[in-house]
Protein backbone atom coordinates (compact mmCIF):
# COMPACT_ATOMS: atom_id res chain seq x y z
CA GLU A 1 37.78 19.74 23.17
CA GLU A 2 39.14 19.44 19.70
CA TRP A 3 37.45 17.64 16.82
CA VAL A 4 38.82 14.14 16.01
CA ASP A 5 39.14 13.17 12.47
CA GLU A 6 38.46 9.40 12.59
CA LEU A 7 38.92 9.08 8.88
CA ALA A 8 42.52 10.28 9.10
CA SER A 9 43.35 7.36 11.48
CA MET A 10 41.92 4.75 9.07
CA SER A 11 43.74 3.00 6.39
CA GLU A 12 42.60 3.57 2.80
CA GLU A 13 40.95 0.07 2.79
CA GLU A 14 39.04 0.97 6.02
CA GLN A 15 38.03 4.34 4.56
CA ALA A 16 36.76 2.60 1.43
CA GLU A 17 34.69 0.09 3.51
CA PHE A 18 33.34 2.96 5.61
CA GLU A 19 32.26 4.87 2.57
CA VAL A 20 30.46 1.84 1.18
CA GLU A 21 28.65 1.36 4.59
CA LEU A 22 27.73 5.13 4.75
CA VAL A 23 26.10 4.92 1.26
CA ALA A 24 23.75 2.29 2.47
CA VAL A 25 22.73 4.46 5.59
CA LYS A 26 22.23 7.51 3.31
CA VAL A 27 19.89 5.37 1.06
CA VAL A 28 17.81 4.30 3.95
CA LEU A 29 17.52 7.81 5.35
CA ALA A 30 16.47 9.06 1.91
CA LYS A 31 13.74 6.34 1.77
CA ILE A 32 12.44 7.29 5.16
CA ARG A 33 12.33 10.97 4.26
CA LYS A 34 10.32 10.22 1.17
CA VAL A 35 7.81 8.00 3.00
CA ALA A 36 7.46 10.66 5.79
CA PHE A 37 6.79 13.38 3.13
CA LYS A 38 4.24 11.26 1.20
CA ILE A 39 2.39 10.42 4.32
CA ILE A 40 2.15 13.96 5.60
CA ASN A 41 1.12 15.27 2.20
CA SER A 42 -1.36 12.64 1.20
CA VAL A 43 -4.24 13.72 3.39
CA THR A 44 -6.82 11.56 1.44
CA ILE A 45 -4.99 8.21 1.01
CA LEU A 46 -1.74 7.70 2.95
CA LEU A 47 -2.48 9.59 6.07
CA PRO A 48 -5.67 7.88 6.76
CA ALA A 49 -4.08 4.52 5.98
CA TRP A 50 -1.19 5.44 8.37
CA ARG A 51 -3.71 6.24 11.19
CA GLU A 52 -5.55 3.07 10.54
CA ILE A 53 -2.52 0.98 10.80
CA CYS A 54 -1.44 2.69 13.97
CA LEU A 55 -4.86 1.90 15.56
CA ASP A 56 -4.78 -1.65 14.38
CA LEU A 57 -1.34 -2.10 15.94
CA ASN A 58 -2.31 -0.32 19.20
CA LEU A 59 0.26 2.30 18.57
CA ASN A 60 -0.05 5.99 19.35
CA GLU A 61 -0.90 7.96 16.29
CA LYS A 62 2.33 9.74 15.57
CA LEU A 63 3.65 11.01 12.28
CA ILE A 64 7.25 10.51 11.33
CA PRO A 65 9.14 13.74 12.07
CA ARG A 66 10.39 15.62 9.06
CA ASP A 67 14.12 15.80 8.64
CA VAL A 68 15.15 19.43 8.50
CA LYS A 69 18.78 20.45 7.62
CA THR A 70 18.73 23.45 9.99
CA HIS A 71 17.49 21.45 12.91
CA TRP A 72 20.57 19.52 14.21
CA ASN A 73 18.72 16.59 15.78
CA SER A 74 15.90 16.05 13.39
CA THR A 75 17.53 13.17 11.48
CA PHE A 76 17.88 11.38 14.74
CA ASP A 77 14.29 12.01 15.66
CA MET A 78 13.10 10.77 12.23
CA ALA A 79 15.23 7.66 12.63
CA LEU A 80 14.14 6.88 16.15
CA VAL A 81 10.37 7.11 15.37
CA THR A 82 10.91 4.81 12.31
CA ILE A 83 12.61 2.26 14.43
CA GLN A 84 9.82 2.54 17.14
CA TYR A 85 7.14 2.03 14.49
CA LYS A 86 8.87 -0.53 12.21
């Protein structure tokens, strides 16, 4: 199989629209990363609050997985847990 360059098949207008939509996704992912980091590293305030919220909503106590650049699927795992717990 060969890589397909989807951007090459788009017009300049479509590429510009794609870039705008991509920025929104990147912003959301950055916010999720920040929240996950703060929950994990705040053992006295945010982590207990997260656990309490999970209990109140009858959800399994599960932390948002950290996004790691060297783990190819970690962004998907982080997004999936976020969607499940929204």
